[in-house]
Amino acid sequence: MIDIKITNEILDAAACIANATDAACGGIAVFIGTVRNQTKEKKVTRLEYECYESMALKEMKKIADEVIRLWNVNNIIIHHRTGILSIGDIAVIIVVSSAHRDAAFDACRYTIDTLKKTVPIWKKEVFEGGEEWISAHA
């Protein structure tokens, strides 16, 4: 099962994990990326995410297809948030379930690393006293 989503609504980690749970899988790996309160010694007040949605969804699907091919995983969920996010909000959730833990771990890391390199999502970090647009590919 592949579940890809880009939304400006709150992401639900528990629902993603439940949806990836599979009796045939002995391993579920999860990555949850949240908004932290500091970067490069600057105090962050919020993040703003924008994306080229149709292209981002295509790229996310390509990543999911490749993960299934390379690691033979049963389920992969990739959800990314857009819009204005506060400190502590979830920006991205990746859940991978497979028969064995090694495949789940490797596939989950590959998914977030590749997403950050190839998917057209940009974030604006808003600091106390300034802001800066940063590619999510940074």
Foldseek 3Di string as FASTA:
>chain_A
DEAEEEEQDADDQVVVQVVQDDPLFPAKDKDWDFAAQDDPRFGFFKKAKDAPPVQLRVQLVVLVVVLCVPLVWDYWYWYAYGGIGGGGTTGIMIMTTHRDHVSNVVSRVSSQLVSQQDGGMWMWTQTVVGIDIDRSVD
